């Protein structure tokens, strides 16, 4: 689900109610060990963007310096629509 490769967090598969807490905790562990920010979160392998996925990403972001320590790349069109529906497009740095 979460891999740390080339100084990026790679999110894969689906985040759902069964695994959301584990995905969050695994990602948080990597974030807490990271020394230099921003950290890039690659969503290219995320199979389904939904509000639960977004909640995990936002919670990770809140654990970074000044709530600005993550940059998100390869955001799917569906995930982008979820971000916009939640009015978070100005809060999340999309690259």
N, C-alpha and C. Protein backbone atom coordinates (compact mmCIF):
# COMPACT_ATOMS: atom_id res chain seq x y z
N UNK A 1 0.80 -1.19 0.00
CA UNK A 1 0.00 0.00 0.00
C UNK A 1 0.85 1.27 0.00
N UNK A 2 1.83 1.34 0.89
CA UNK A 2 2.70 2.49 0.99
C UNK A 2 4.14 2.01 0.84
N UNK A 3 4.86 2.64 -0.07
CA UNK A 3 6.27 2.35 -0.23
C UNK A 3 7.02 3.67 -0.22
N UNK A 4 8.23 3.63 0.27
CA UNK A 4 9.10 4.80 0.28
C UNK A 4 10.23 4.51 -0.69
N UNK A 5 10.17 5.14 -1.87
CA UNK A 5 11.14 4.88 -2.93
C UNK A 5 11.63 6.22 -3.47
N UNK A 6 12.94 6.37 -3.59
CA UNK A 6 13.54 7.59 -4.14
C UNK A 6 13.01 8.84 -3.46
N UNK A 7 12.92 8.82 -2.18
CA UNK A 7 12.47 9.94 -1.35
C UNK A 7 11.05 10.39 -1.70
N UNK A 8 10.22 9.42 -2.08
CA UNK A 8 8.81 9.69 -2.35
C UNK A 8 7.97 8.62 -1.67
N UNK A 9 6.79 9.02 -1.22
CA UNK A 9 5.82 8.05 -0.73
C UNK A 9 4.99 7.62 -1.93
N UNK A 10 4.95 6.35 -2.20
CA UNK A 10 4.17 5.80 -3.30
C UNK A 10 2.93 5.15 -2.69
N UNK A 11 1.75 5.66 -3.04
CA UNK A 11 0.49 5.13 -2.53
C UNK A 11 -0.10 4.27 -3.63
N UNK A 12 -0.40 3.01 -3.31
CA UNK A 12 -0.93 2.11 -4.33
C UNK A 12 -2.20 1.41 -3.83
N UNK A 13 -2.88 0.83 -4.78
CA UNK A 13 -4.12 0.09 -4.55
C UNK A 13 -5.23 1.02 -4.12
N UNK A 14 -6.03 0.61 -3.15
CA UNK A 14 -7.20 1.37 -2.71
C UNK A 14 -7.13 1.60 -1.21
N UNK A 15 -7.52 2.78 -0.79
CA UNK A 15 -7.67 3.06 0.64
C UNK A 15 -9.15 2.94 0.94
N UNK A 16 -9.49 2.01 1.84
CA UNK A 16 -10.89 1.79 2.20
C UNK A 16 -11.02 1.70 3.72
N UNK A 17 -12.23 1.47 4.18
CA UNK A 17 -12.45 1.43 5.63
C UNK A 17 -11.67 0.31 6.31
N UNK A 18 -11.41 -0.77 5.60
CA UNK A 18 -10.70 -1.90 6.19
C UNK A 18 -9.22 -1.61 6.41
N UNK A 19 -8.63 -0.74 5.59
CA UNK A 19 -7.19 -0.54 5.70
C UNK A 19 -6.75 0.91 5.96
N UNK A 20 -7.69 1.83 6.05
CA UNK A 20 -7.34 3.26 6.16
C UNK A 20 -6.43 3.55 7.34
N UNK A 21 -6.72 2.98 8.49
CA UNK A 21 -5.88 3.25 9.66
C UNK A 21 -4.46 2.74 9.46
N UNK A 22 -4.33 1.54 8.89
CA UNK A 22 -3.00 0.99 8.66
C UNK A 22 -2.23 1.80 7.62
N UNK A 23 -2.91 2.23 6.56
CA UNK A 23 -2.27 3.06 5.54
C UNK A 23 -1.81 4.37 6.18
N UNK A 24 -2.67 4.98 6.98
CA UNK A 24 -2.32 6.23 7.66
C UNK A 24 -1.08 6.03 8.54
N UNK A 25 -1.09 5.01 9.37
CA UNK A 25 0.01 4.79 10.30
C UNK A 25 1.32 4.47 9.58
N UNK A 26 1.24 3.70 8.51
CA UNK A 26 2.45 3.37 7.74
C UNK A 26 3.03 4.63 7.10
N UNK A 27 2.17 5.43 6.49
CA UNK A 27 2.62 6.68 5.89
C UNK A 27 3.17 7.64 6.92
N UNK A 28 2.50 7.72 8.06
CA UNK A 28 2.94 8.60 9.14
C UNK A 28 4.33 8.23 9.62
N UNK A 29 4.60 6.96 9.71
CA UNK A 29 5.93 6.50 10.13
C UNK A 29 7.00 7.02 9.18
N UNK A 30 6.75 6.93 7.88
CA UNK A 30 7.70 7.44 6.89
C UNK A 30 7.84 8.95 7.00
N UNK A 31 6.74 9.65 7.18
CA UNK A 31 6.77 11.11 7.29
C UNK A 31 7.58 11.54 8.51
N UNK A 32 7.39 10.87 9.62
CA UNK A 32 8.10 11.23 10.84
C UNK A 32 9.60 10.94 10.74
N UNK A 33 9.98 10.01 9.90
CA UNK A 33 11.40 9.69 9.71
C UNK A 33 12.05 10.60 8.67
N UNK A 34 11.24 11.28 7.90
CA UNK A 34 11.75 12.15 6.82
C UNK A 34 12.33 13.42 7.44
N UNK A 35 13.46 13.86 6.93
CA UNK A 35 14.16 15.00 7.51
C UNK A 35 13.94 16.29 6.74
N UNK A 36 13.85 16.22 5.42
CA UNK A 36 13.73 17.41 4.60
C UNK A 36 12.38 17.43 3.91
N UNK A 37 11.73 18.57 3.98
CA UNK A 37 10.42 18.72 3.37
C UNK A 37 10.50 19.78 2.29
N UNK A 38 9.68 19.72 1.27
CA UNK A 38 8.50 18.87 1.15
C UNK A 38 8.85 17.45 0.71
N UNK A 39 7.99 16.55 1.08
CA UNK A 39 8.04 15.16 0.68
C UNK A 39 6.99 14.98 -0.41
N UNK A 40 7.37 14.30 -1.49
CA UNK A 40 6.44 14.07 -2.59
C UNK A 40 5.66 12.78 -2.33
N UNK A 41 4.34 12.88 -2.52
CA UNK A 41 3.46 11.72 -2.42
C UNK A 41 2.94 11.43 -3.82
N UNK A 42 3.31 10.27 -4.36
CA UNK A 42 2.95 9.89 -5.72
C UNK A 42 1.67 9.04 -5.68
N UNK A 43 0.63 9.53 -6.35
CA UNK A 43 -0.66 8.85 -6.33
C UNK A 43 -0.95 8.12 -7.64
N UNK A 44 0.06 7.91 -8.48
CA UNK A 44 -0.15 7.28 -9.79
C UNK A 44 -0.73 5.87 -9.66
N UNK A 45 -0.39 5.16 -8.60
CA UNK A 45 -0.85 3.77 -8.45
C UNK A 45 -2.08 3.64 -7.56
N UNK A 46 -2.61 4.78 -7.09
CA UNK A 46 -3.83 4.75 -6.28
C UNK A 46 -4.99 4.41 -7.20
N UNK A 47 -5.64 3.30 -6.95
CA UNK A 47 -6.67 2.80 -7.86
C UNK A 47 -7.97 3.59 -7.79
N UNK A 48 -8.29 4.14 -6.62
CA UNK A 48 -9.55 4.83 -6.47
C UNK A 48 -9.38 6.02 -5.54
N UNK A 49 -9.62 7.21 -6.07
CA UNK A 49 -9.58 8.40 -5.24
C UNK A 49 -10.95 8.67 -4.67
N UNK A 50 -11.04 8.77 -3.37
CA UNK A 50 -12.33 9.01 -2.71
C UNK A 50 -12.10 9.87 -1.47
N UNK A 51 -13.18 10.18 -0.78
CA UNK A 51 -13.05 11.06 0.40
C UNK A 51 -12.23 10.41 1.51
N UNK A 52 -12.28 9.11 1.63
CA UNK A 52 -11.48 8.44 2.65
C UNK A 52 -9.99 8.55 2.31
N UNK A 53 -9.65 8.38 1.05
CA UNK A 53 -8.25 8.56 0.62
C UNK A 53 -7.80 9.99 0.92
N UNK A 54 -8.65 10.94 0.59
CA UNK A 54 -8.33 12.34 0.83
C UNK A 54 -8.15 12.62 2.32
N UNK A 55 -8.96 12.01 3.15
CA UNK A 55 -8.84 12.20 4.60
C UNK A 55 -7.47 11.72 5.09
N UNK A 56 -7.00 10.59 4.59
CA UNK A 56 -5.68 10.09 4.97
C UNK A 56 -4.60 11.06 4.53
N UNK A 57 -4.70 11.57 3.30
CA UNK A 57 -3.70 12.52 2.79
C UNK A 57 -3.67 13.80 3.62
N UNK A 58 -4.84 14.30 3.97
CA UNK A 58 -4.92 15.53 4.77
C UNK A 58 -4.35 15.30 6.16
N UNK A 59 -4.62 14.15 6.75
CA UNK A 59 -4.07 13.85 8.07
C UNK A 59 -2.54 13.75 8.02
N UNK A 60 -2.01 13.18 6.95
CA UNK A 60 -0.56 13.17 6.79
C UNK A 60 -0.03 14.59 6.70
N UNK A 61 -0.68 15.42 5.89
CA UNK A 61 -0.25 16.79 5.71
C UNK A 61 -0.19 17.53 7.03
N UNK A 62 -1.14 17.28 7.90
CA UNK A 62 -1.19 17.95 9.21
C UNK A 62 -0.03 17.56 10.11
N UNK A 63 0.65 16.49 9.78
CA UNK A 63 1.78 16.04 10.60
C UNK A 63 3.11 16.58 10.09
N UNK A 64 3.08 17.47 9.10
CA UNK A 64 4.31 18.01 8.53
C UNK A 64 4.51 19.45 9.01
N UNK A 65 5.74 19.97 8.87
CA UNK A 65 6.01 21.34 9.30
C UNK A 65 5.07 22.35 8.63
N UNK A 66 4.44 23.17 9.42
CA UNK A 66 3.53 24.21 8.94
C UNK A 66 2.40 23.69 8.07
N UNK A 67 2.08 22.43 8.20
CA UNK A 67 1.02 21.80 7.40
C UNK A 67 1.24 22.00 5.90
N UNK A 68 2.47 22.12 5.48
CA UNK A 68 2.81 22.38 4.08
C UNK A 68 3.86 21.43 3.54
N UNK A 69 4.15 20.36 4.25
CA UNK A 69 5.30 19.54 3.93
C UNK A 69 5.11 18.44 2.90
N UNK A 70 3.94 18.37 2.26
CA UNK A 70 3.71 17.33 1.26
C UNK A 70 3.34 17.97 -0.07
N UNK A 71 3.87 17.40 -1.14
CA UNK A 71 3.47 17.76 -2.49
C UNK A 71 2.91 16.48 -3.13
N UNK A 72 1.78 16.61 -3.79
CA UNK A 72 1.10 15.45 -4.37
C UNK A 72 1.25 15.46 -5.87
N UNK A 73 1.68 14.33 -6.43
CA UNK A 73 1.82 14.26 -7.88
C UNK A 73 1.03 13.08 -8.42
N UNK A 74 0.75 13.15 -9.71
CA UNK A 74 -0.04 12.13 -10.41
C UNK A 74 -1.41 11.96 -9.77
N UNK A 75 -2.06 13.08 -9.52
CA UNK A 75 -3.39 13.08 -8.94
C UNK A 75 -4.39 12.79 -10.06
N UNK A 76 -5.20 11.77 -9.90
CA UNK A 76 -6.17 11.39 -10.93
C UNK A 76 -7.26 12.46 -11.06
N UNK A 77 -7.94 12.43 -12.18
CA UNK A 77 -9.03 13.37 -12.42
C UNK A 77 -10.12 13.21 -11.37
N UNK A 78 -10.43 11.96 -11.02
CA UNK A 78 -11.46 11.72 -10.00
C UNK A 78 -11.04 12.27 -8.65
N UNK A 79 -9.79 12.03 -8.28
CA UNK A 79 -9.30 12.54 -7.00
C UNK A 79 -9.29 14.06 -7.01
N UNK A 80 -8.94 14.66 -8.13
CA UNK A 80 -8.95 16.12 -8.24
C UNK A 80 -10.36 16.66 -8.02
N UNK A 81 -11.35 15.98 -8.53
CA UNK A 81 -12.74 16.41 -8.33
C UNK A 81 -13.15 16.29 -6.87
N UNK A 82 -12.68 15.26 -6.19
CA UNK A 82 -12.97 15.10 -4.77
C UNK A 82 -12.31 16.25 -3.99
N UNK A 83 -11.07 16.57 -4.34
CA UNK A 83 -10.35 17.67 -3.69
C UNK A 83 -11.09 18.99 -3.90
N UNK A 84 -11.55 19.23 -5.12
CA UNK A 84 -12.29 20.45 -5.41
C UNK A 84 -13.63 20.49 -4.70
N UNK A 85 -14.32 19.36 -4.63
CA UNK A 85 -15.61 19.30 -3.95
C UNK A 85 -15.47 19.61 -2.46
N UNK A 86 -14.32 19.27 -1.91
CA UNK A 86 -14.04 19.53 -0.50
C UNK A 86 -13.37 20.89 -0.29
N UNK A 87 -13.19 21.64 -1.37
CA UNK A 87 -12.59 22.98 -1.32
C UNK A 87 -11.17 22.96 -0.73
N UNK A 88 -10.40 21.95 -1.11
CA UNK A 88 -9.04 21.82 -0.60
C UNK A 88 -7.97 22.09 -1.65
N UNK A 89 -8.37 22.51 -2.85
CA UNK A 89 -7.40 22.71 -3.91
C UNK A 89 -6.37 23.78 -3.56
N UNK A 90 -6.70 24.74 -2.71
CA UNK A 90 -5.75 25.76 -2.29
C UNK A 90 -4.87 25.30 -1.13
N UNK A 91 -5.27 24.24 -0.46
CA UNK A 91 -4.52 23.74 0.70
C UNK A 91 -3.52 22.66 0.34
N UNK A 92 -3.75 21.97 -0.77
CA UNK A 92 -2.89 20.87 -1.18
C UNK A 92 -2.02 21.32 -2.34
N UNK A 93 -0.76 21.07 -2.27
CA UNK A 93 0.18 21.42 -3.35
C UNK A 93 0.21 20.27 -4.33
N UNK A 94 -0.35 20.49 -5.53
CA UNK A 94 -0.40 19.47 -6.57
C UNK A 94 0.67 19.78 -7.60
N UNK A 95 1.49 18.77 -7.91
CA UNK A 95 2.56 18.98 -8.89
C UNK A 95 2.39 18.00 -10.03
